[in-house]
Amino acid sequence: MKRPPLSPRVVGPNEAAALLNESRDKTYGKLRSGELPSYLDGRLRRIRVADIDALIERRLAAAQSEQSEGAR
């Protein structure tokens, strides 16, 4: 029986930038500011995919809030 491929639970900054569809510089800015949490695994910076998803959800909620306030 074949198992479905596993999704990664953590990614590096380059993969995070690709998932967020933004430059590495912007992603590193979010890491420095704490907007996007990360941790060091030895010498490697790691970002949980769940934290990337949470950032996207916060962005969507803020955009929807701005749209609803602009419609008033």
Protein backbone atom coordinates (compact mmCIF):
# COMPACT_ATOMS: atom_id res chain seq x y z
CA MET A 1 0.00 0.00 0.00
CA LYS A 2 1.43 3.35 -1.04
CA ARG A 3 1.45 6.17 1.46
CA PRO A 4 0.68 9.73 0.33
CA PRO A 5 3.69 12.04 0.26
CA LEU A 6 4.27 13.94 3.48
CA SER A 7 4.11 17.71 3.51
CA PRO A 8 7.05 19.44 5.16
CA ARG A 9 6.34 20.82 8.63
CA VAL A 10 9.28 23.25 8.51
CA VAL A 11 11.03 25.08 5.69
CA GLY A 12 14.01 27.37 5.28
CA PRO A 13 13.83 31.10 4.51
CA ASN A 14 14.06 30.57 0.73
CA GLU A 15 11.15 28.14 0.73
CA ALA A 16 9.17 30.44 3.05
CA ALA A 17 9.71 33.35 0.65
CA ALA A 18 8.45 31.19 -2.22
CA LEU A 19 5.37 30.14 -0.25
CA LEU A 20 4.65 33.77 0.61
CA ASN A 21 5.34 34.83 -2.99
CA GLU A 22 7.74 37.55 -1.88
CA SER A 23 11.44 38.30 -1.96
CA ARG A 24 13.93 36.77 0.45
CA ASP A 25 14.66 40.27 1.78
CA LYS A 26 11.01 40.79 2.75
CA THR A 27 10.89 37.38 4.40
CA TYR A 28 14.09 38.07 6.36
CA GLY A 29 12.56 41.39 7.44
CA LYS A 30 9.56 39.54 8.83
CA LEU A 31 11.89 37.11 10.60
CA ARG A 32 13.91 39.96 12.16
CA SER A 33 10.79 41.82 13.30
CA GLY A 34 9.22 38.69 14.78
CA GLU A 35 6.20 38.91 12.49
CA LEU A 36 7.19 35.46 11.22
CA PRO A 37 8.53 33.23 14.03
CA SER A 38 11.51 30.99 13.39
CA TYR A 39 14.14 28.98 15.21
CA LEU A 40 17.67 27.77 14.67
CA ASP A 41 18.28 24.06 14.08
CA GLY A 42 22.04 24.03 14.48
CA ARG A 43 23.12 26.64 11.94
CA LEU A 44 19.94 26.43 9.86
CA ARG A 45 17.04 28.89 10.20
CA ARG A 46 13.70 27.04 10.20
CA ILE A 47 10.15 28.33 9.86
CA ARG A 48 7.10 26.23 10.66
CA VAL A 49 4.66 25.97 7.75
CA ALA A 50 1.87 26.48 10.31
CA ASP A 51 3.37 29.92 11.14
CA ILE A 52 3.45 30.79 7.42
CA ASP A 53 -0.21 29.76 7.15
CA ALA A 54 -1.05 31.89 10.21
CA LEU A 55 0.71 34.92 8.64
CA ILE A 56 -1.32 34.47 5.46
CA GLU A 57 -4.55 34.23 7.50
CA ARG A 58 -3.66 37.46 9.36
CA ARG A 59 -3.01 39.20 6.04
CA LEU A 60 -6.36 38.02 4.66
CA ALA A 61 -8.22 39.12 7.79
CA ALA A 62 -6.58 42.57 7.66
CA ALA A 63 -7.40 42.96 3.96
CA GLN A 64 -11.02 41.95 4.55
CA SER A 65 -11.27 44.35 7.48
CA GLU A 66 -9.91 47.21 5.35
CA GLN A 67 -12.38 46.39 2.57
CA SER A 68 -15.34 46.32 4.92
CA GLU A 69 -14.29 49.64 6.53
CA GLY A 70 -13.86 51.22 3.09
CA ALA A 71 -17.35 50.13 2.06
CA ARG A 72 -18.97 52.14 4.87
